[in-house]
Amino acid sequence: QVQLVESGGGLVQPGGSLRLSCAASGFTFTRYALSWYRQVPGKERELVATIYNTYMPTRYAPSVKGRFTISRDNAKNTVYLQMNSLKPEDTAVYYCNNGGGDWGQGTQVTVSS
């Protein structure tokens, strides 16, 4: 049974930073690319970043490139999203995903002064 548990969200001022974590279980972590998505109520889920299980380079949405960094720790079955220089438009619920149909509960990120 695939489980994806996101954490690390919160309220932060514009220009601040947060580090999200996603603890994964129920599948062979090292065989999968992992992605972070985000969703705002009333809008479609948006792909934010992807990290591969090979030497392929990480990929980012244009809106976050240069500010966000995705990484993974295969020993801990965990994927991270370091978010710097946060903007109000980054406010959303953030989810991780392994390319399948299973989703966690997400973690809320609110950027506001």
N, C-alpha and C. Protein backbone atom coordinates (compact mmCIF):
# COMPACT_ATOMS: atom_id res chain seq x y z
N GLN A 1 0.84 -1.19 0.00
CA GLN A 1 0.00 0.00 0.00
C GLN A 1 0.88 1.24 0.00
N VAL A 2 0.73 2.04 -1.04
CA VAL A 2 1.54 3.26 -1.16
C VAL A 2 1.06 4.29 -0.15
N GLN A 3 2.02 4.87 0.57
CA GLN A 3 1.71 5.97 1.48
C GLN A 3 2.69 7.11 1.21
N LEU A 4 2.14 8.30 1.14
CA LEU A 4 2.93 9.52 0.94
C LEU A 4 2.47 10.52 1.99
N VAL A 5 3.37 10.90 2.87
CA VAL A 5 3.02 11.77 3.99
C VAL A 5 3.83 13.05 3.90
N GLU A 6 3.15 14.13 3.54
CA GLU A 6 3.80 15.43 3.40
C GLU A 6 3.78 16.18 4.73
N SER A 7 4.81 16.97 4.96
CA SER A 7 4.89 17.79 6.17
C SER A 7 5.79 19.00 5.90
N GLY A 8 5.77 19.94 6.83
CA GLY A 8 6.67 21.08 6.76
C GLY A 8 6.03 22.37 6.30
N GLY A 9 4.76 22.34 5.95
CA GLY A 9 4.09 23.55 5.52
C GLY A 9 3.84 24.49 6.69
N GLY A 10 3.33 25.68 6.35
CA GLY A 10 3.03 26.65 7.40
C GLY A 10 2.81 28.02 6.81
N LEU A 11 2.77 28.99 7.71
CA LEU A 11 2.60 30.39 7.34
C LEU A 11 3.97 31.07 7.34
N VAL A 12 4.29 31.74 6.25
CA VAL A 12 5.59 32.40 6.15
C VAL A 12 5.39 33.74 5.45
N GLN A 13 6.23 34.70 5.78
CA GLN A 13 6.15 36.01 5.14
C GLN A 13 6.79 35.97 3.75
N PRO A 14 6.37 36.85 2.88
CA PRO A 14 7.02 36.93 1.56
C PRO A 14 8.53 37.11 1.72
N GLY A 15 9.26 36.37 0.89
CA GLY A 15 10.71 36.37 0.97
C GLY A 15 11.28 35.31 1.89
N GLY A 16 10.41 34.66 2.65
CA GLY A 16 10.86 33.63 3.58
C GLY A 16 11.09 32.29 2.92
N SER A 17 11.42 31.31 3.77
CA SER A 17 11.74 29.97 3.29
C SER A 17 10.99 28.91 4.07
N LEU A 18 10.76 27.79 3.42
CA LEU A 18 10.21 26.60 4.06
C LEU A 18 10.86 25.38 3.41
N ARG A 19 10.91 24.30 4.17
CA ARG A 19 11.38 23.04 3.63
C ARG A 19 10.30 21.99 3.84
N LEU A 20 9.78 21.48 2.76
CA LEU A 20 8.77 20.44 2.82
C LEU A 20 9.43 19.06 2.76
N SER A 21 8.80 18.10 3.42
CA SER A 21 9.26 16.72 3.39
C SER A 21 8.12 15.82 2.97
N CYS A 22 8.45 14.73 2.32
CA CYS A 22 7.46 13.72 1.96
C CYS A 22 8.06 12.35 2.27
N ALA A 23 7.50 11.69 3.27
CA ALA A 23 7.94 10.36 3.65
C ALA A 23 7.13 9.33 2.87
N ALA A 24 7.82 8.46 2.15
CA ALA A 24 7.15 7.50 1.27
C ALA A 24 7.33 6.08 1.77
N SER A 25 6.34 5.25 1.52
CA SER A 25 6.42 3.83 1.85
C SER A 25 5.47 3.06 0.94
N GLY A 26 5.67 1.74 0.91
CA GLY A 26 4.78 0.88 0.13
C GLY A 26 5.20 0.65 -1.30
N PHE A 27 6.34 1.17 -1.68
CA PHE A 27 6.88 0.92 -3.02
C PHE A 27 8.39 1.03 -2.96
N THR A 28 9.06 0.56 -4.00
CA THR A 28 10.52 0.60 -4.02
C THR A 28 10.94 2.01 -4.43
N PHE A 29 11.28 2.78 -3.42
CA PHE A 29 11.53 4.21 -3.58
C PHE A 29 12.55 4.52 -4.66
N THR A 30 13.62 3.74 -4.70
CA THR A 30 14.73 4.04 -5.60
C THR A 30 14.39 3.80 -7.07
N ARG A 31 13.28 3.18 -7.35
CA ARG A 31 12.90 2.89 -8.74
C ARG A 31 12.03 3.97 -9.36
N TYR A 32 11.69 4.99 -8.57
CA TYR A 32 10.71 5.96 -9.03
C TYR A 32 11.25 7.38 -9.05
N ALA A 33 10.82 8.12 -10.09
CA ALA A 33 10.95 9.57 -10.04
C ALA A 33 9.91 10.09 -9.05
N LEU A 34 10.24 11.15 -8.37
CA LEU A 34 9.32 11.75 -7.40
C LEU A 34 9.07 13.20 -7.79
N SER A 35 7.86 13.64 -7.60
CA SER A 35 7.48 15.00 -7.96
C SER A 35 6.73 15.68 -6.83
N TRP A 36 6.85 17.00 -6.82
CA TRP A 36 6.01 17.84 -5.97
C TRP A 36 5.01 18.56 -6.88
N TYR A 37 3.77 18.60 -6.42
CA TYR A 37 2.70 19.33 -7.07
C TYR A 37 2.13 20.32 -6.07
N ARG A 38 1.37 21.27 -6.57
CA ARG A 38 0.63 22.16 -5.68
C ARG A 38 -0.73 22.46 -6.30
N GLN A 39 -1.66 22.79 -5.42
CA GLN A 39 -3.02 23.05 -5.87
C GLN A 39 -3.66 24.16 -5.05
N VAL A 40 -4.28 25.07 -5.77
CA VAL A 40 -5.06 26.14 -5.17
C VAL A 40 -6.53 25.81 -5.40
N PRO A 41 -7.40 26.06 -4.42
CA PRO A 41 -8.83 25.76 -4.61
C PRO A 41 -9.37 26.35 -5.91
N GLY A 42 -10.08 25.50 -6.66
CA GLY A 42 -10.68 25.96 -7.89
C GLY A 42 -9.78 25.88 -9.11
N LYS A 43 -8.52 25.45 -8.89
CA LYS A 43 -7.58 25.34 -10.00
C LYS A 43 -7.05 23.92 -10.09
N GLU A 44 -6.49 23.58 -11.24
CA GLU A 44 -5.91 22.25 -11.43
C GLU A 44 -4.59 22.13 -10.66
N ARG A 45 -4.28 20.89 -10.33
CA ARG A 45 -3.02 20.63 -9.67
C ARG A 45 -1.88 20.94 -10.64
N GLU A 46 -0.85 21.60 -10.13
CA GLU A 46 0.26 22.08 -10.94
C GLU A 46 1.54 21.34 -10.57
N LEU A 47 2.26 20.86 -11.58
CA LEU A 47 3.55 20.21 -11.34
C LEU A 47 4.59 21.28 -11.01
N VAL A 48 5.27 21.09 -9.87
CA VAL A 48 6.25 22.07 -9.40
C VAL A 48 7.68 21.63 -9.71
N ALA A 49 7.99 20.39 -9.37
CA ALA A 49 9.37 19.91 -9.54
C ALA A 49 9.40 18.39 -9.60
N THR A 50 10.38 17.86 -10.30
CA THR A 50 10.56 16.41 -10.42
C THR A 50 12.02 16.06 -10.24
N ILE A 51 12.27 14.98 -9.48
CA ILE A 51 13.62 14.46 -9.34
C ILE A 51 13.58 12.99 -9.76
N TYR A 52 14.53 12.59 -10.57
CA TYR A 52 14.52 11.26 -11.15
C TYR A 52 15.34 10.28 -10.32
N ASN A 53 15.16 9.02 -10.63
CA ASN A 53 15.93 7.97 -9.97
C ASN A 53 17.14 7.58 -10.80
N THR A 54 17.45 8.39 -11.78
CA THR A 54 18.61 8.18 -12.64
C THR A 54 19.45 9.45 -12.59
N TYR A 55 20.35 9.61 -13.54
CA TYR A 55 21.18 10.81 -13.57
C TYR A 55 20.53 11.93 -14.38
N MET A 56 19.30 11.77 -14.74
CA MET A 56 18.59 12.84 -15.44
C MET A 56 18.48 14.06 -14.53
N PRO A 57 18.60 15.24 -15.10
CA PRO A 57 18.55 16.44 -14.27
C PRO A 57 17.16 16.68 -13.71
N THR A 58 17.11 17.33 -12.57
CA THR A 58 15.83 17.70 -11.99
C THR A 58 15.15 18.73 -12.89
N ARG A 59 13.83 18.79 -12.74
CA ARG A 59 13.05 19.70 -13.58
C ARG A 59 12.16 20.55 -12.69
N TYR A 60 11.94 21.79 -13.12
CA TYR A 60 11.16 22.74 -12.33
C TYR A 60 10.18 23.50 -13.22
N ALA A 61 9.05 23.85 -12.63
CA ALA A 61 8.15 24.77 -13.31
C ALA A 61 8.84 26.12 -13.44
N PRO A 62 8.60 26.83 -14.53
CA PRO A 62 9.25 28.14 -14.71
C PRO A 62 8.99 29.10 -13.56
N SER A 63 7.83 28.97 -12.93
CA SER A 63 7.46 29.91 -11.87
C SER A 63 8.28 29.72 -10.60
N VAL A 64 8.94 28.57 -10.45
CA VAL A 64 9.70 28.32 -9.22
C VAL A 64 11.19 28.12 -9.48
N LYS A 65 11.59 28.04 -10.74
CA LYS A 65 12.99 27.77 -11.06
C LYS A 65 13.88 28.85 -10.49
N GLY A 66 14.95 28.42 -9.82
CA GLY A 66 15.87 29.36 -9.19
C GLY A 66 15.51 29.68 -7.76
N ARG A 67 14.31 29.32 -7.33
CA ARG A 67 13.88 29.57 -5.95
C ARG A 67 13.67 28.28 -5.17
N PHE A 68 13.21 27.25 -5.85
CA PHE A 68 12.92 25.96 -5.19
C PHE A 68 13.98 24.93 -5.58
N THR A 69 14.25 24.01 -4.66
CA THR A 69 15.17 22.92 -4.93
C THR A 69 14.57 21.61 -4.43
N ILE A 70 14.46 20.64 -5.33
CA ILE A 70 13.97 19.32 -4.95
C ILE A 70 15.16 18.40 -4.72
N SER A 71 15.03 17.54 -3.70
CA SER A 71 16.10 16.59 -3.42
C SER A 71 15.47 15.33 -2.84
N ARG A 72 16.27 14.27 -2.77
CA ARG A 72 15.77 13.02 -2.22
C ARG A 72 16.85 12.35 -1.39
N ASP A 73 16.40 11.62 -0.38
CA ASP A 73 17.28 10.81 0.45
C ASP A 73 16.78 9.38 0.33
N ASN A 74 17.45 8.59 -0.48
CA ASN A 74 16.99 7.23 -0.73
C ASN A 74 17.09 6.34 0.51
N ALA A 75 18.00 6.68 1.40
CA ALA A 75 18.14 5.89 2.63
C ALA A 75 16.95 6.10 3.56
N LYS A 76 16.32 7.27 3.44
CA LYS A 76 15.19 7.59 4.32
C LYS A 76 13.85 7.53 3.58
N ASN A 77 13.88 7.15 2.30
CA ASN A 77 12.63 7.13 1.50
C ASN A 77 11.89 8.46 1.62
N THR A 78 12.63 9.53 1.48
CA THR A 78 12.04 10.85 1.67
C THR A 78 12.47 11.78 0.54
N VAL A 79 11.53 12.59 0.09
CA VAL A 79 11.81 13.62 -0.90
C VAL A 79 11.53 14.98 -0.25
N TYR A 80 12.33 15.95 -0.60
CA TYR A 80 12.24 17.28 0.01
C TYR A 80 11.99 18.35 -1.05
N LEU A 81 11.45 19.46 -0.59
CA LEU A 81 11.33 20.63 -1.45
C LEU A 81 11.75 21.84 -0.61
N GLN A 82 12.92 22.37 -0.91
CA GLN A 82 13.39 23.59 -0.26
C GLN A 82 12.85 24.77 -1.05
N MET A 83 12.11 25.62 -0.37
CA MET A 83 11.47 26.76 -1.03
C MET A 83 12.02 28.05 -0.44
N ASN A 84 12.66 28.83 -1.27
CA ASN A 84 13.23 30.11 -0.85
C ASN A 84 12.56 31.25 -1.60
N SER A 85 12.75 32.45 -1.10
CA SER A 85 12.19 33.65 -1.75
C SER A 85 10.71 33.46 -2.06
N LEU A 86 9.99 33.00 -1.07
CA LEU A 86 8.58 32.68 -1.29
C LEU A 86 7.76 33.92 -1.61
N LYS A 87 6.76 33.70 -2.45
CA LYS A 87 5.87 34.77 -2.90
C LYS A 87 4.43 34.41 -2.54
N PRO A 88 3.56 35.39 -2.41
CA PRO A 88 2.15 35.08 -2.11
C PRO A 88 1.54 34.09 -3.11
N GLU A 89 1.96 34.15 -4.35
CA GLU A 89 1.40 33.24 -5.35
C GLU A 89 1.89 31.80 -5.19
N ASP A 90 2.80 31.56 -4.27
CA ASP A 90 3.20 30.18 -3.95
C ASP A 90 2.24 29.53 -2.96
N THR A 91 1.30 30.30 -2.44
CA THR A 91 0.32 29.77 -1.50
C THR A 91 -0.49 28.66 -2.17
N ALA A 92 -0.51 27.49 -1.54
CA ALA A 92 -1.20 26.33 -2.10
C ALA A 92 -1.06 25.16 -1.14
N VAL A 93 -1.77 24.09 -1.43
CA VAL A 93 -1.50 22.82 -0.77
C VAL A 93 -0.50 22.06 -1.65
N TYR A 94 0.56 21.58 -1.02
CA TYR A 94 1.64 20.91 -1.74
C TYR A 94 1.56 19.41 -1.50
N TYR A 95 1.71 18.66 -2.59
CA TYR A 95 1.63 17.20 -2.56
C TYR A 95 2.87 16.59 -3.22
N CYS A 96 3.24 15.40 -2.77
CA CYS A 96 4.25 14.66 -3.51
C CYS A 96 3.58 13.47 -4.19
N ASN A 97 4.26 12.94 -5.20
CA ASN A 97 3.67 11.86 -6.00
C ASN A 97 4.77 11.08 -6.69
N ASN A 98 4.53 9.78 -6.86
CA ASN A 98 5.53 8.92 -7.52
C ASN A 98 5.11 8.55 -8.94
N GLY A 99 4.21 9.30 -9.51
CA GLY A 99 3.77 9.03 -10.87
C GLY A 99 2.56 8.13 -10.94
N GLY A 100 2.11 7.69 -9.76
CA GLY A 100 0.94 6.82 -9.72
C GLY A 100 -0.31 7.56 -9.26
N GLY A 101 -1.33 6.80 -8.95
CA GLY A 101 -2.61 7.42 -8.58
C GLY A 101 -2.79 7.68 -7.10
N ASP A 102 -1.74 7.42 -6.32
CA ASP A 102 -1.86 7.63 -4.87
C ASP A 102 -1.34 9.02 -4.49
N TRP A 103 -2.10 9.67 -3.61
CA TRP A 103 -1.75 11.00 -3.14
C TRP A 103 -1.86 11.03 -1.62
N GLY A 104 -1.03 11.85 -1.01
CA GLY A 104 -1.12 12.06 0.42
C GLY A 104 -2.14 13.14 0.72
N GLN A 105 -2.15 13.58 1.98
CA GLN A 105 -3.09 14.60 2.40
C GLN A 105 -2.62 16.01 2.04
N GLY A 106 -1.36 16.12 1.68
CA GLY A 106 -0.82 17.42 1.33
C GLY A 106 -0.43 18.23 2.56
N THR A 107 0.30 19.31 2.32
CA THR A 107 0.68 20.22 3.40
C THR A 107 0.44 21.64 2.90
N GLN A 108 -0.22 22.44 3.74
CA GLN A 108 -0.60 23.80 3.35
C GLN A 108 0.57 24.75 3.50
N VAL A 109 0.83 25.50 2.46
CA VAL A 109 1.82 26.58 2.49
C VAL A 109 1.08 27.89 2.25
N THR A 110 1.24 28.82 3.18
CA THR A 110 0.60 30.13 3.06
C THR A 110 1.68 31.19 3.15
N VAL A 111 1.77 32.01 2.11
CA VAL A 111 2.76 33.09 2.08
C VAL A 111 2.00 34.41 2.17
N SER A 112 2.14 35.06 3.30
CA SER A 112 1.38 36.27 3.55
C SER A 112 2.06 37.11 4.60
N SER A 113 1.90 38.43 4.48
CA SER A 113 2.43 39.32 5.51
C SER A 113 1.35 39.65 6.52
